[in-house]
Protein backbone atom coordinates (compact mmCIF):
# COMPACT_ATOMS: atom_id res chain seq x y z
CA MET A 1 -33.05 15.08 8.27
CA LYS A 2 -30.17 16.29 10.41
CA ILE A 3 -30.19 19.89 11.67
CA HIS A 4 -26.83 21.66 11.72
CA VAL A 5 -26.11 23.51 14.95
CA GLU A 6 -23.29 26.06 15.02
CA PRO A 7 -20.74 25.44 17.78
CA ASP A 8 -20.98 27.85 20.68
CA PHE A 9 -17.37 28.87 21.29
CA SER A 10 -16.56 31.52 23.88
CA ARG A 11 -14.83 34.74 22.82
CA ASN A 12 -11.57 33.50 24.37
CA GLU A 13 -11.81 30.21 22.46
CA GLN A 14 -12.41 32.12 19.23
CA ILE A 15 -9.40 34.37 19.85
CA ALA A 16 -7.24 31.34 20.68
CA GLY A 17 -8.35 29.70 17.42
CA LEU A 18 -7.48 32.80 15.41
CA ILE A 19 -4.03 32.93 16.98
CA GLU A 20 -3.47 29.25 16.15
CA GLN A 21 -4.37 29.93 12.52
CA ILE A 22 -2.13 33.01 12.34
CA SER A 23 0.72 31.06 13.91
CA ALA A 24 0.33 28.20 11.42
CA TYR A 25 0.59 30.67 8.54
CA ILE A 26 3.60 32.48 10.01
CA GLU A 27 5.30 29.16 10.77
CA GLN A 28 4.69 27.82 7.26
CA TYR A 29 5.87 30.88 5.36
CA HIS A 30 8.22 32.71 7.73
CA HIS A 31 9.43 30.06 10.22
CA GLY A 32 8.10 32.04 13.18
CA THR A 33 5.36 31.40 15.71
CA VAL A 34 2.75 33.26 17.75
CA GLN A 35 1.79 31.77 21.11
CA LEU A 36 -1.18 32.86 23.19
CA VAL A 37 0.06 33.65 26.71
CA GLY A 38 -3.23 34.81 28.17
CA ILE A 39 -6.34 36.91 27.86
CA GLU A 40 -7.15 39.44 30.57
CA GLY A 41 -10.35 41.32 29.82
CA ASP A 42 -9.82 43.06 26.49
CA THR A 43 -6.05 42.52 26.48
CA VAL A 44 -4.58 39.57 24.61
CA LYS A 45 -0.99 38.69 25.50
CA VAL A 46 1.10 36.80 22.97
CA ARG A 47 4.69 35.72 22.54
CA LEU A 48 6.47 35.71 19.20
CA GLY A 49 8.90 32.85 18.69
CA GLY A 50 11.00 31.09 16.10
CA ALA A 51 12.33 33.37 13.40
CA CYS A 52 10.09 36.19 14.69
CA GLU A 53 12.04 36.34 17.96
CA SER A 54 15.09 38.01 16.47
CA CYS A 55 13.51 39.61 13.40
CA HIS A 56 13.66 43.39 13.11
CA LEU A 57 10.15 43.30 11.59
CA SER A 58 8.55 41.47 14.54
CA GLU A 59 6.66 44.61 15.67
CA HIS A 60 5.08 44.78 12.21
CA THR A 61 4.16 41.11 12.46
CA LEU A 62 2.62 41.71 15.87
CA GLN A 63 0.64 44.82 14.93
CA GLY A 64 -0.05 43.94 11.30
CA TRP A 65 -0.84 40.25 11.12
CA VAL A 66 -1.67 39.33 14.69
CA ALA A 67 -3.42 42.44 16.01
CA GLY A 68 -4.88 43.36 12.62
CA THR A 69 -6.49 39.96 12.14
CA ILE A 70 -7.85 39.75 15.67
CA ARG A 71 -9.26 43.30 15.52
CA GLN A 72 -11.21 42.42 12.38
CA PHE A 73 -13.34 40.14 14.53
CA PHE A 74 -12.85 41.70 17.98
CA PRO A 75 -12.26 45.47 17.54
CA GLU A 76 -12.28 46.11 21.30
CA VAL A 77 -9.22 43.91 21.91
CA SER A 78 -5.64 45.19 22.32
CA ILE A 79 -2.63 42.98 21.71
CA GLU A 80 0.52 42.98 23.85
CA SER A 81 3.75 41.12 23.28
CA VAL A 82 5.37 39.51 26.31
CA SER A 83 8.77 37.89 26.66
């Protein structure tokens, strides 16, 4: 019998994985991207690209989809957009 052991991903790896999943969704349905730039303490820095770069709703994408999803799992984290 094989025992299943859950992977032990760090918080930063988990956040990076969430951002990859969010980016895949945004790319598929809205032709935009979200790229992880870095994590400094409780601040996650991301860059919006593709169609999100010039979209007038990009702040809603950042705060709604990206920050909202990450805060569901990591409520202490703040999200910043960088150029």
